[in-house]
PDB file of N, CA and C in Angstrom:
ATOM      1  N   UNK A   1     -25.017  19.988   8.797  1.00  0.00           N
ATOM      2  CA  UNK A   1     -25.157  19.007   9.855  1.00  0.00           C
ATOM      3  C   UNK A   1     -24.355  19.502  11.051  1.00  0.00           C
ATOM      4  N   UNK A   2     -24.921  19.383  12.229  1.00  0.00           N
ATOM      5  CA  UNK A   2     -24.234  19.839  13.428  1.00  0.00           C
ATOM      6  C   UNK A   2     -23.103  18.889  13.778  1.00  0.00           C
ATOM      7  N   UNK A   3     -22.167  19.400  14.584  1.00  0.00           N
ATOM      8  CA  UNK A   3     -21.047  18.560  15.034  1.00  0.00           C
ATOM      9  C   UNK A   3     -21.552  17.363  15.827  1.00  0.00           C
ATOM     10  N   UNK A   4     -22.601  17.586  16.634  1.00  0.00           N
ATOM     11  CA  UNK A   4     -23.161  16.493  17.441  1.00  0.00           C
ATOM     12  C   UNK A   4     -23.748  15.410  16.544  1.00  0.00           C
ATOM     13  N   UNK A   5     -24.499  15.808  15.539  1.00  0.00           N
ATOM     14  CA  UNK A   5     -25.110  14.839  14.622  1.00  0.00           C
ATOM     15  C   UNK A   5     -24.034  14.090  13.851  1.00  0.00           C
ATOM     16  N   UNK A   6     -23.007  14.802  13.436  1.00  0.00           N
ATOM     17  CA  UNK A   6     -21.912  14.179  12.705  1.00  0.00           C
ATOM     18  C   UNK A   6     -21.180  13.165  13.585  1.00  0.00           C
ATOM     19  N   UNK A   7     -20.913  13.534  14.818  1.00  0.00           N
ATOM     20  CA  UNK A   7     -20.238  12.627  15.751  1.00  0.00           C
ATOM     21  C   UNK A   7     -21.107  11.405  16.033  1.00  0.00           C
ATOM     22  N   UNK A   8     -22.405  11.630  16.180  1.00  0.00           N
ATOM     23  CA  UNK A   8     -23.323  10.515  16.430  1.00  0.00           C
ATOM     24  C   UNK A   8     -23.345   9.570  15.230  1.00  0.00           C
ATOM     25  N   UNK A   9     -23.412  10.126  14.042  1.00  0.00           N
ATOM     26  CA  UNK A   9     -23.420   9.316  12.829  1.00  0.00           C
ATOM     27  C   UNK A   9     -22.163   8.473  12.711  1.00  0.00           C
ATOM     28  N   UNK A  10     -21.011   9.061  13.027  1.00  0.00           N
ATOM     29  CA  UNK A  10     -19.745   8.318  12.976  1.00  0.00           C
ATOM     30  C   UNK A  10     -19.726   7.213  14.020  1.00  0.00           C
ATOM     31  N   UNK A  11     -20.279   7.470  15.189  1.00  0.00           N
ATOM     32  CA  UNK A  11     -20.331   6.453  16.245  1.00  0.00           C
ATOM     33  C   UNK A  11     -21.218   5.288  15.822  1.00  0.00           C
ATOM     34  N   UNK A  12     -22.331   5.588  15.187  1.00  0.00           N
ATOM     35  CA  UNK A  12     -23.233   4.544  14.718  1.00  0.00           C
ATOM     36  C   UNK A  12     -22.540   3.704  13.646  1.00  0.00           C
ATOM     37  N   UNK A  13     -21.846   4.342  12.717  1.00  0.00           N
ATOM     38  CA  UNK A  13     -21.138   3.598  11.678  1.00  0.00           C
ATOM     39  C   UNK A  13     -20.057   2.701  12.267  1.00  0.00           C
ATOM     40  N   UNK A  14     -19.337   3.186  13.277  1.00  0.00           N
ATOM     41  CA  UNK A  14     -18.317   2.360  13.944  1.00  0.00           C
ATOM     42  C   UNK A  14     -18.960   1.151  14.611  1.00  0.00           C
ATOM     43  N   UNK A  15     -20.104   1.351  15.231  1.00  0.00           N
ATOM     44  CA  UNK A  15     -20.806   0.269  15.914  1.00  0.00           C
ATOM     45  C   UNK A  15     -21.299  -0.782  14.916  1.00  0.00           C
ATOM     46  N   UNK A  16     -21.756  -0.348  13.756  1.00  0.00           N
ATOM     47  CA  UNK A  16     -22.305  -1.266  12.764  1.00  0.00           C
ATOM     48  C   UNK A  16     -21.239  -1.925  11.886  1.00  0.00           C
ATOM     49  N   UNK A  17     -20.036  -1.401  11.891  1.00  0.00           N
ATOM     50  CA  UNK A  17     -18.993  -1.886  11.003  1.00  0.00           C
ATOM     51  C   UNK A  17     -18.742  -3.390  11.094  1.00  0.00           C
ATOM     52  N   UNK A  18     -18.605  -3.983  12.289  1.00  0.00           N
ATOM     53  CA  UNK A  18     -18.377  -5.438  12.341  1.00  0.00           C
ATOM     54  C   UNK A  18     -19.560  -6.234  11.772  1.00  0.00           C
ATOM     55  N   UNK A  19     -20.777  -5.774  12.015  1.00  0.00           N
ATOM     56  CA  UNK A  19     -21.953  -6.449  11.475  1.00  0.00           C
ATOM     57  C   UNK A  19     -21.991  -6.329   9.955  1.00  0.00           C
ATOM     58  N   UNK A  20     -21.655  -5.164   9.474  1.00  0.00           N
ATOM     59  CA  UNK A  20     -21.605  -4.881   8.043  1.00  0.00           C
ATOM     60  C   UNK A  20     -20.599  -5.820   7.371  1.00  0.00           C
ATOM     61  N   UNK A  21     -19.448  -5.980   7.967  1.00  0.00           N
ATOM     62  CA  UNK A  21     -18.400  -6.839   7.428  1.00  0.00           C
ATOM     63  C   UNK A  21     -18.862  -8.302   7.399  1.00  0.00           C
ATOM     64  N   UNK A  22     -19.492  -8.760   8.465  1.00  0.00           N
ATOM     65  CA  UNK A  22     -19.990 -10.143   8.518  1.00  0.00           C
ATOM     66  C   UNK A  22     -21.039 -10.388   7.449  1.00  0.00           C
ATOM     67  N   UNK A  23     -21.929  -9.438   7.268  1.00  0.00           N
ATOM     68  CA  UNK A  23     -22.968  -9.564   6.255  1.00  0.00           C
ATOM     69  C   UNK A  23     -22.355  -9.618   4.861  1.00  0.00           C
ATOM     70  N   UNK A  24     -21.403  -8.754   4.608  1.00  0.00           N
ATOM     71  CA  UNK A  24     -20.746  -8.708   3.301  1.00  0.00           C
ATOM     72  C   UNK A  24     -20.076 -10.048   2.982  1.00  0.00           C
ATOM     73  N   UNK A  25     -19.483 -10.691   3.979  1.00  0.00           N
ATOM     74  CA  UNK A  25     -18.830 -11.983   3.764  1.00  0.00           C
ATOM     75  C   UNK A  25     -19.839 -13.129   3.682  1.00  0.00           C
ATOM     76  N   UNK A  26     -20.946 -13.025   4.379  1.00  0.00           N
ATOM     77  CA  UNK A  26     -21.944 -14.101   4.399  1.00  0.00           C
ATOM     78  C   UNK A  26     -22.729 -14.185   3.093  1.00  0.00           C
ATOM     79  N   UNK A  27     -23.055 -13.030   2.506  1.00  0.00           N
ATOM     80  CA  UNK A  27     -23.870 -13.013   1.283  1.00  0.00           C
ATOM     81  C   UNK A  27     -23.282 -12.020   0.269  1.00  0.00           C
ATOM     82  N   UNK A  28     -22.101 -12.341  -0.256  1.00  0.00           N
ATOM     83  CA  UNK A  28     -21.412 -11.373  -1.119  1.00  0.00           C
ATOM     84  C   UNK A  28     -22.180 -10.989  -2.382  1.00  0.00           C
ATOM     85  N   UNK A  29     -22.873 -11.935  -3.007  1.00  0.00           N
ATOM     86  CA  UNK A  29     -23.603 -11.609  -4.239  1.00  0.00           C
ATOM     87  C   UNK A  29     -24.755 -10.647  -3.966  1.00  0.00           C
ATOM     88  N   UNK A  30     -25.490 -10.908  -2.912  1.00  0.00           N
ATOM     89  CA  UNK A  30     -26.605 -10.034  -2.546  1.00  0.00           C
ATOM     90  C   UNK A  30     -26.065  -8.661  -2.159  1.00  0.00           C
ATOM     91  N   UNK A  31     -24.997  -8.658  -1.399  1.00  0.00           N
ATOM     92  CA  UNK A  31     -24.406  -7.398  -0.955  1.00  0.00           C
ATOM     93  C   UNK A  31     -23.916  -6.574  -2.147  1.00  0.00           C
ATOM     94  N   UNK A  32     -23.274  -7.240  -3.103  1.00  0.00           N
ATOM     95  CA  UNK A  32     -22.780  -6.549  -4.304  1.00  0.00           C
ATOM     96  C   UNK A  32     -23.950  -5.965  -5.100  1.00  0.00           C
ATOM     97  N   UNK A  33     -25.037  -6.722  -5.218  1.00  0.00           N
ATOM     98  CA  UNK A  33     -26.220  -6.232  -5.911  1.00  0.00           C
ATOM     99  C   UNK A  33     -26.809  -5.012  -5.233  1.00  0.00           C
ATOM    100  N   UNK A  34     -26.860  -5.044  -3.904  1.00  0.00           N
ATOM    101  CA  UNK A  34     -27.371  -3.889  -3.175  1.00  0.00           C
ATOM    102  C   UNK A  34     -26.478  -2.670  -3.400  1.00  0.00           C
ATOM    103  N   UNK A  35     -25.163  -2.882  -3.386  1.00  0.00           N
ATOM    104  CA  UNK A  35     -24.229  -1.772  -3.607  1.00  0.00           C
ATOM    105  C   UNK A  35     -24.434  -1.156  -4.985  1.00  0.00           C
ATOM    106  N   UNK A  36     -24.623  -2.007  -5.992  1.00  0.00           N
ATOM    107  CA  UNK A  36     -24.869  -1.498  -7.345  1.00  0.00           C
ATOM    108  C   UNK A  36     -26.178  -0.716  -7.421  1.00  0.00           C
ATOM    109  N   UNK A  37     -27.204  -1.232  -6.781  1.00  0.00           N
ATOM    110  CA  UNK A  37     -28.490  -0.538  -6.760  1.00  0.00           C
ATOM    111  C   UNK A  37     -28.365   0.811  -6.044  1.00  0.00           C
ATOM    112  N   UNK A  38     -27.678   0.809  -4.939  1.00  0.00           N
ATOM    113  CA  UNK A  38     -27.485   2.053  -4.184  1.00  0.00           C
ATOM    114  C   UNK A  38     -26.734   3.092  -5.012  1.00  0.00           C
ATOM    115  N   UNK A  39     -25.661   2.666  -5.681  1.00  0.00           N
ATOM    116  CA  UNK A  39     -24.905   3.597  -6.516  1.00  0.00           C
ATOM    117  C   UNK A  39     -25.768   4.146  -7.649  1.00  0.00           C
ATOM    118  N   UNK A  40     -26.540   3.276  -8.280  1.00  0.00           N
ATOM    119  CA  UNK A  40     -27.402   3.711  -9.394  1.00  0.00           C
ATOM    120  C   UNK A  40     -28.443   4.716  -8.917  1.00  0.00           C
ATOM    121  N   UNK A  41     -28.919   4.549  -7.698  1.00  0.00           N
ATOM    122  CA  UNK A  41     -29.943   5.451  -7.173  1.00  0.00           C
ATOM    123  C   UNK A  41     -29.416   6.860  -6.970  1.00  0.00           C
ATOM    124  N   UNK A  42     -28.119   6.994  -6.768  1.00  0.00           N
ATOM    125  CA  UNK A  42     -27.550   8.307  -6.490  1.00  0.00           C
ATOM    126  C   UNK A  42     -26.845   8.943  -7.695  1.00  0.00           C
ATOM    127  N   UNK A  43     -26.933   8.313  -8.837  1.00  0.00           N
ATOM    128  CA  UNK A  43     -26.330   8.873 -10.054  1.00  0.00           C
ATOM    129  C   UNK A  43     -27.119  10.107 -10.458  1.00  0.00           C
ATOM    130  N   UNK A  44     -26.401  11.176 -10.712  1.00  0.00           N
ATOM    131  CA  UNK A  44     -27.035  12.424 -11.158  1.00  0.00           C
ATOM    132  C   UNK A  44     -26.837  12.508 -12.655  1.00  0.00           C
ATOM    133  N   UNK A  45     -27.913  12.757 -13.351  1.00  0.00           N
ATOM    134  CA  UNK A  45     -27.697  12.876 -14.785  1.00  0.00           C
ATOM    135  C   UNK A  45     -28.894  12.773 -15.543  1.00  0.00           C
TER     136      UNK A  45
END
């Protein structure tokens, strides 16, 4: 990944962080389920 793409990705994550936090607090059960699904999708084995 180029330095520009990496910097852009970090900027996007910083911008989304407050929204991400609000969502996590608004619907914790749904958010936890999504996190579990995401982790399971990336398990190698």
